[in-house]
Amino acid sequence: MTATDKFTKSFTKLCGNLGKNNKSLYSALTIAVSKGTLRPTFTMLDKKQDKDSRNYAAFREGLTGAVAIISYLATNKLVDKLAEPFCKKAKILDKLEQVKPVLSLISVSMSALIVIPLVCNLITKPLLDKVSSKPVSNKRPSEPKTIKFQGYPAVYKNFGYTNGKLRIGG
């Protein structure tokens, strides 16, 4: 058996196993791990951006990836425990193995839509303040900038939260 035949056989076996175990959790975890490692790496390599902006973006992306992994695993574990009582109540216990993947997909989707953004918004600032030398400010600028345009004053307000050059939110 040649090396090409071994590779082909291994690749066929891998694809067959992936096809049999095609859970939404696996694809969501793969995406979370990839985003949680690659995005911060590429963000830090972008030397055109301000250092504070790069640090914040890389921290946020890495934190989002970590929260996503934990969230996906936790919600999937919860769905596995709730699937059987759900099927008993709906009197479809014979369809339990068909219901589990659907509930898993719903849990992954709800995690991505609600749980991950909520948790990240709650913990990003406190964690960044602990690991950063400069705390992130959530205070709005006290005075709006006034600029005259053709003799008429126009007031422009900065609605974003700022930390020096770093713009957060708004």
C-alpha atoms as a PDB file:
ATOM      1  CA  MET A   1       0.000   0.000   0.000  1.00  0.00           C
ATOM      2  CA  THR A   2       1.478   3.331  -1.057  1.00  0.00           C
ATOM      3  CA  ALA A   3       1.465   6.585   0.891  1.00  0.00           C
ATOM      4  CA  THR A   4      -1.215   7.966  -1.437  1.00  0.00           C
ATOM      5  CA  ASP A   5      -3.462   4.974  -0.763  1.00  0.00           C
ATOM      6  CA  LYS A   6      -2.977   5.361   3.006  1.00  0.00           C
ATOM      7  CA  PHE A   7      -3.826   9.058   2.788  1.00  0.00           C
ATOM      8  CA  THR A   8      -6.905   8.382   0.645  1.00  0.00           C
ATOM      9  CA  LYS A   9      -8.111   5.668   3.036  1.00  0.00           C
ATOM     10  CA  SER A  10      -7.527   7.907   6.095  1.00  0.00           C
ATOM     11  CA  PHE A  11      -9.220  10.875   4.443  1.00  0.00           C
ATOM     12  CA  THR A  12     -12.223   8.747   3.432  1.00  0.00           C
ATOM     13  CA  LYS A  13     -12.518   7.413   7.000  1.00  0.00           C
ATOM     14  CA  LEU A  14     -12.293  10.952   8.434  1.00  0.00           C
ATOM     15  CA  CYS A  15     -14.972  12.281   6.083  1.00  0.00           C
ATOM     16  CA  GLY A  16     -17.205   9.303   6.858  1.00  0.00           C
ATOM     17  CA  ASN A  17     -16.888   9.864  10.608  1.00  0.00           C
ATOM     18  CA  LEU A  18     -17.569  13.572  10.240  1.00  0.00           C
ATOM     19  CA  GLY A  19     -20.642  12.812   8.182  1.00  0.00           C
ATOM     20  CA  LYS A  20     -21.968  10.380  10.792  1.00  0.00           C
ATOM     21  CA  ASN A  21     -21.298  12.741  13.699  1.00  0.00           C
ATOM     22  CA  ASN A  22     -22.461  15.937  12.078  1.00  0.00           C
ATOM     23  CA  LYS A  23     -23.556  17.956  15.105  1.00  0.00           C
ATOM     24  CA  SER A  24     -24.057  21.705  15.087  1.00  0.00           C
ATOM     25  CA  LEU A  25     -21.995  21.854  18.282  1.00  0.00           C
ATOM     26  CA  TYR A  26     -18.884  20.622  16.479  1.00  0.00           C
ATOM     27  CA  SER A  27     -19.059  23.233  13.751  1.00  0.00           C
ATOM     28  CA  ALA A  28     -19.813  26.005  16.269  1.00  0.00           C
ATOM     29  CA  LEU A  29     -16.861  24.978  18.445  1.00  0.00           C
ATOM     30  CA  THR A  30     -14.562  24.852  15.417  1.00  0.00           C
ATOM     31  CA  ILE A  31     -15.590  28.366  14.420  1.00  0.00           C
ATOM     32  CA  ALA A  32     -15.204  29.656  17.994  1.00  0.00           C
ATOM     33  CA  VAL A  33     -11.715  28.192  18.373  1.00  0.00           C
ATOM     34  CA  SER A  34     -10.650  29.546  14.979  1.00  0.00           C
ATOM     35  CA  LYS A  35     -12.017  33.026  15.651  1.00  0.00           C
ATOM     36  CA  GLY A  36     -10.683  33.067  19.195  1.00  0.00           C
ATOM     37  CA  THR A  37      -7.141  32.373  18.044  1.00  0.00           C
ATOM     38  CA  LEU A  38      -6.799  33.711  14.512  1.00  0.00           C
ATOM     39  CA  ARG A  39      -8.626  37.043  14.816  1.00  0.00           C
ATOM     40  CA  PRO A  40      -6.570  38.321  17.771  1.00  0.00           C
ATOM     41  CA  THR A  41      -3.377  37.172  16.040  1.00  0.00           C
ATOM     42  CA  PHE A  42      -4.166  39.005  12.813  1.00  0.00           C
ATOM     43  CA  THR A  43      -5.411  42.051  14.725  1.00  0.00           C
ATOM     44  CA  MET A  44      -2.114  42.348  16.578  1.00  0.00           C
ATOM     45  CA  LEU A  45      -0.189  41.973  13.310  1.00  0.00           C
ATOM     46  CA  ASP A  46      -1.976  44.995  11.787  1.00  0.00           C
ATOM     47  CA  LYS A  47       0.597  47.709  12.449  1.00  0.00           C
ATOM     48  CA  LYS A  48      -1.488  50.392  10.694  1.00  0.00           C
ATOM     49  CA  GLN A  49      -3.870  50.555  13.667  1.00  0.00           C
ATOM     50  CA  ASP A  50      -3.219  52.336  16.949  1.00  0.00           C
ATOM     51  CA  LYS A  51      -1.703  50.058  19.618  1.00  0.00           C
ATOM     52  CA  ASP A  52      -4.540  50.644  22.112  1.00  0.00           C
ATOM     53  CA  SER A  53      -7.131  49.845  19.443  1.00  0.00           C
ATOM     54  CA  ARG A  54      -5.305  46.660  18.491  1.00  0.00           C
ATOM     55  CA  ASN A  55      -5.023  45.563  22.117  1.00  0.00           C
ATOM     56  CA  TYR A  56      -8.714  46.182  22.779  1.00  0.00           C
ATOM     57  CA  ALA A  57      -9.849  44.448  19.579  1.00  0.00           C
ATOM     58  CA  ALA A  58      -7.580  41.438  20.128  1.00  0.00           C
ATOM     59  CA  PHE A  59      -8.669  41.147  23.762  1.00  0.00           C
ATOM     60  CA  ARG A  60     -12.327  41.385  22.805  1.00  0.00           C
ATOM     61  CA  GLU A  61     -12.005  38.774  20.035  1.00  0.00           C
ATOM     62  CA  GLY A  62     -10.094  36.339  22.239  1.00  0.00           C
ATOM     63  CA  LEU A  63     -12.557  36.801  25.081  1.00  0.00           C
ATOM     64  CA  THR A  64     -15.493  36.308  22.712  1.00  0.00           C
ATOM     65  CA  GLY A  65     -13.962  33.043  21.480  1.00  0.00           C
ATOM     66  CA  ALA A  66     -13.455  31.779  25.042  1.00  0.00           C
ATOM     67  CA  VAL A  67     -16.978  32.770  26.087  1.00  0.00           C
ATOM     68  CA  ALA A  68     -18.367  31.146  22.929  1.00  0.00           C
ATOM     69  CA  ILE A  69     -16.678  27.821  23.630  1.00  0.00           C
ATOM     70  CA  ILE A  70     -17.928  27.738  27.220  1.00  0.00           C
ATOM     71  CA  SER A  71     -21.403  28.884  26.187  1.00  0.00           C
ATOM     72  CA  TYR A  72     -21.771  26.319  23.418  1.00  0.00           C
ATOM     73  CA  LEU A  73     -20.657  23.464  25.669  1.00  0.00           C
ATOM     74  CA  ALA A  74     -22.896  24.553  28.563  1.00  0.00           C
ATOM     75  CA  THR A  75     -26.036  25.096  26.495  1.00  0.00           C
ATOM     76  CA  ASN A  76     -25.503  21.828  24.625  1.00  0.00           C
ATOM     77  CA  LYS A  77     -25.141  19.963  27.929  1.00  0.00           C
ATOM     78  CA  LEU A  78     -28.368  21.580  29.125  1.00  0.00           C
ATOM     79  CA  VAL A  79     -30.185  20.611  25.920  1.00  0.00           C
ATOM     80  CA  ASP A  80     -29.037  16.992  26.258  1.00  0.00           C
ATOM     81  CA  LYS A  81     -30.555  16.874  29.741  1.00  0.00           C
ATOM     82  CA  LEU A  82     -33.802  18.572  28.656  1.00  0.00           C
ATOM     83  CA  ALA A  83     -34.369  16.548  25.470  1.00  0.00           C
ATOM     84  CA  GLU A  84     -35.815  13.477  27.160  1.00  0.00           C
ATOM     85  CA  PRO A  85     -38.300  15.333  29.405  1.00  0.00           C
ATOM     86  CA  PHE A  86     -39.281  17.444  26.393  1.00  0.00           C
ATOM     87  CA  CYS A  87     -39.985  14.317  24.323  1.00  0.00           C
ATOM     88  CA  LYS A  88     -41.911  12.695  27.196  1.00  0.00           C
ATOM     89  CA  LYS A  89     -44.105  15.753  27.582  1.00  0.00           C
ATOM     90  CA  ALA A  90     -44.727  15.918  23.816  1.00  0.00           C
ATOM     91  CA  LYS A  91     -45.300  12.114  23.781  1.00  0.00           C
ATOM     92  CA  ILE A  92     -42.679  11.578  21.094  1.00  0.00           C
ATOM     93  CA  LEU A  93     -40.114   9.609  23.081  1.00  0.00           C
ATOM     94  CA  ASP A  94     -39.479   7.365  20.063  1.00  0.00           C
ATOM     95  CA  LYS A  95     -38.122  10.398  18.185  1.00  0.00           C
ATOM     96  CA  LEU A  96     -35.597  11.394  20.878  1.00  0.00           C
ATOM     97  CA  GLU A  97     -32.562  10.848  18.623  1.00  0.00           C
ATOM     98  CA  GLN A  98     -34.110  13.122  15.973  1.00  0.00           C
ATOM     99  CA  VAL A  99     -35.068  15.828  18.475  1.00  0.00           C
ATOM    100  CA  LYS A 100     -31.603  16.120  20.059  1.00  0.00           C
ATOM    101  CA  PRO A 101     -29.850  17.551  16.947  1.00  0.00           C
ATOM    102  CA  VAL A 102     -32.653  20.073  16.420  1.00  0.00           C
ATOM    103  CA  LEU A 103     -32.491  21.233  20.032  1.00  0.00           C
ATOM    104  CA  SER A 104     -28.701  21.365  19.753  1.00  0.00           C
ATOM    105  CA  LEU A 105     -28.953  23.638  16.726  1.00  0.00           C
ATOM    106  CA  ILE A 106     -31.426  25.865  18.573  1.00  0.00           C
ATOM    107  CA  SER A 107     -29.127  26.038  21.612  1.00  0.00           C
ATOM    108  CA  VAL A 108     -26.104  26.954  19.481  1.00  0.00           C
ATOM    109  CA  SER A 109     -28.127  29.642  17.716  1.00  0.00           C
ATOM    110  CA  MET A 110     -29.499  31.104  20.943  1.00  0.00           C
ATOM    111  CA  SER A 111     -26.014  31.115  22.442  1.00  0.00           C
ATOM    112  CA  ALA A 112     -24.661  33.018  19.453  1.00  0.00           C
ATOM    113  CA  LEU A 113     -27.552  35.497  19.410  1.00  0.00           C
ATOM    114  CA  ILE A 114     -28.089  36.148  23.121  1.00  0.00           C
ATOM    115  CA  VAL A 115     -25.725  34.500  25.593  1.00  0.00           C
ATOM    116  CA  ILE A 116     -22.329  35.305  24.040  1.00  0.00           C
ATOM    117  CA  PRO A 117     -22.967  39.034  23.334  1.00  0.00           C
ATOM    118  CA  LEU A 118     -24.589  39.504  26.750  1.00  0.00           C
ATOM    119  CA  VAL A 119     -21.758  37.867  28.679  1.00  0.00           C
ATOM    120  CA  CYS A 120     -19.071  39.616  26.636  1.00  0.00           C
ATOM    121  CA  ASN A 121     -20.681  43.024  27.180  1.00  0.00           C
ATOM    122  CA  LEU A 122     -20.876  42.374  30.914  1.00  0.00           C
ATOM    123  CA  ILE A 123     -17.319  41.142  31.452  1.00  0.00           C
ATOM    124  CA  THR A 124     -15.150  42.837  28.822  1.00  0.00           C
ATOM    125  CA  LYS A 125     -14.686  46.198  30.566  1.00  0.00           C
ATOM    126  CA  PRO A 126     -13.990  44.829  34.077  1.00  0.00           C
ATOM    127  CA  LEU A 127     -11.519  42.254  32.734  1.00  0.00           C
ATOM    128  CA  LEU A 128      -9.812  44.756  30.447  1.00  0.00           C
ATOM    129  CA  ASP A 129      -9.467  47.194  33.356  1.00  0.00           C
ATOM    130  CA  LYS A 130      -7.755  44.468  35.417  1.00  0.00           C
ATOM    131  CA  VAL A 131      -5.261  43.446  32.727  1.00  0.00           C
ATOM    132  CA  SER A 132      -4.682  46.871  31.163  1.00  0.00           C
ATOM    133  CA  SER A 133      -2.498  49.637  32.531  1.00  0.00           C
ATOM    134  CA  LYS A 134      -5.042  52.268  31.424  1.00  0.00           C
ATOM    135  CA  PRO A 135      -8.669  51.804  32.526  1.00  0.00           C
ATOM    136  CA  VAL A 136     -11.292  52.085  29.799  1.00  0.00           C
ATOM    137  CA  SER A 137     -13.503  55.129  30.337  1.00  0.00           C
ATOM    138  CA  ASN A 138     -17.278  54.980  29.979  1.00  0.00           C
ATOM    139  CA  LYS A 139     -17.776  58.711  30.462  1.00  0.00           C
ATOM    140  CA  ARG A 140     -19.055  60.878  27.652  1.00  0.00           C
ATOM    141  CA  PRO A 141     -17.206  64.052  26.741  1.00  0.00           C
ATOM    142  CA  SER A 142     -18.466  66.968  28.832  1.00  0.00           C
ATOM    143  CA  GLU A 143     -18.755  69.586  26.076  1.00  0.00           C
ATOM    144  CA  PRO A 144     -19.827  69.168  22.456  1.00  0.00           C
ATOM    145  CA  LYS A 145     -17.518  70.517  19.785  1.00  0.00           C
ATOM    146  CA  THR A 146     -18.746  73.659  18.040  1.00  0.00           C
ATOM    147  CA  ILE A 147     -17.622  74.261  14.467  1.00  0.00           C
ATOM    148  CA  LYS A 148     -18.591  77.247  12.354  1.00  0.00           C
ATOM    149  CA  PHE A 149     -19.622  76.504   8.799  1.00  0.00           C
ATOM    150  CA  GLN A 150     -20.120  79.470   6.487  1.00  0.00           C
ATOM    151  CA  GLY A 151     -20.740  81.750   9.459  1.00  0.00           C
ATOM    152  CA  TYR A 152     -23.351  79.475  11.071  1.00  0.00           C
ATOM    153  CA  PRO A 153     -22.429  77.518  14.171  1.00  0.00           C
ATOM    154  CA  ALA A 154     -23.060  73.789  13.908  1.00  0.00           C
ATOM    155  CA  VAL A 155     -22.867  71.646  17.004  1.00  0.00           C
ATOM    156  CA  TYR A 156     -21.412  68.164  16.682  1.00  0.00           C
ATOM    157  CA  LYS A 157     -21.659  65.818  19.613  1.00  0.00           C
ATOM    158  CA  ASN A 158     -19.349  62.914  20.148  1.00  0.00           C
ATOM    159  CA  PHE A 159     -21.681  60.085  21.145  1.00  0.00           C
ATOM    160  CA  GLY A 160     -18.955  57.433  21.418  1.00  0.00           C
ATOM    161  CA  TYR A 161     -17.289  56.430  24.629  1.00  0.00           C
ATOM    162  CA  THR A 162     -13.630  57.259  24.368  1.00  0.00           C
ATOM    163  CA  ASN A 163     -10.373  56.348  26.012  1.00  0.00           C
ATOM    164  CA  GLY A 164      -7.868  58.644  24.415  1.00  0.00           C
ATOM    165  CA  LYS A 165      -7.707  57.459  20.811  1.00  0.00           C
ATOM    166  CA  LEU A 166      -9.686  54.277  21.481  1.00  0.00           C
ATOM    167  CA  ARG A 167     -13.357  54.475  20.507  1.00  0.00           C
ATOM    168  CA  ILE A 168     -15.609  51.999  22.259  1.00  0.00           C
ATOM    169  CA  GLY A 169     -19.294  51.645  21.430  1.00  0.00           C
ATOM    170  CA  GLY A 170     -21.543  54.485  20.318  1.00  0.00           C
END
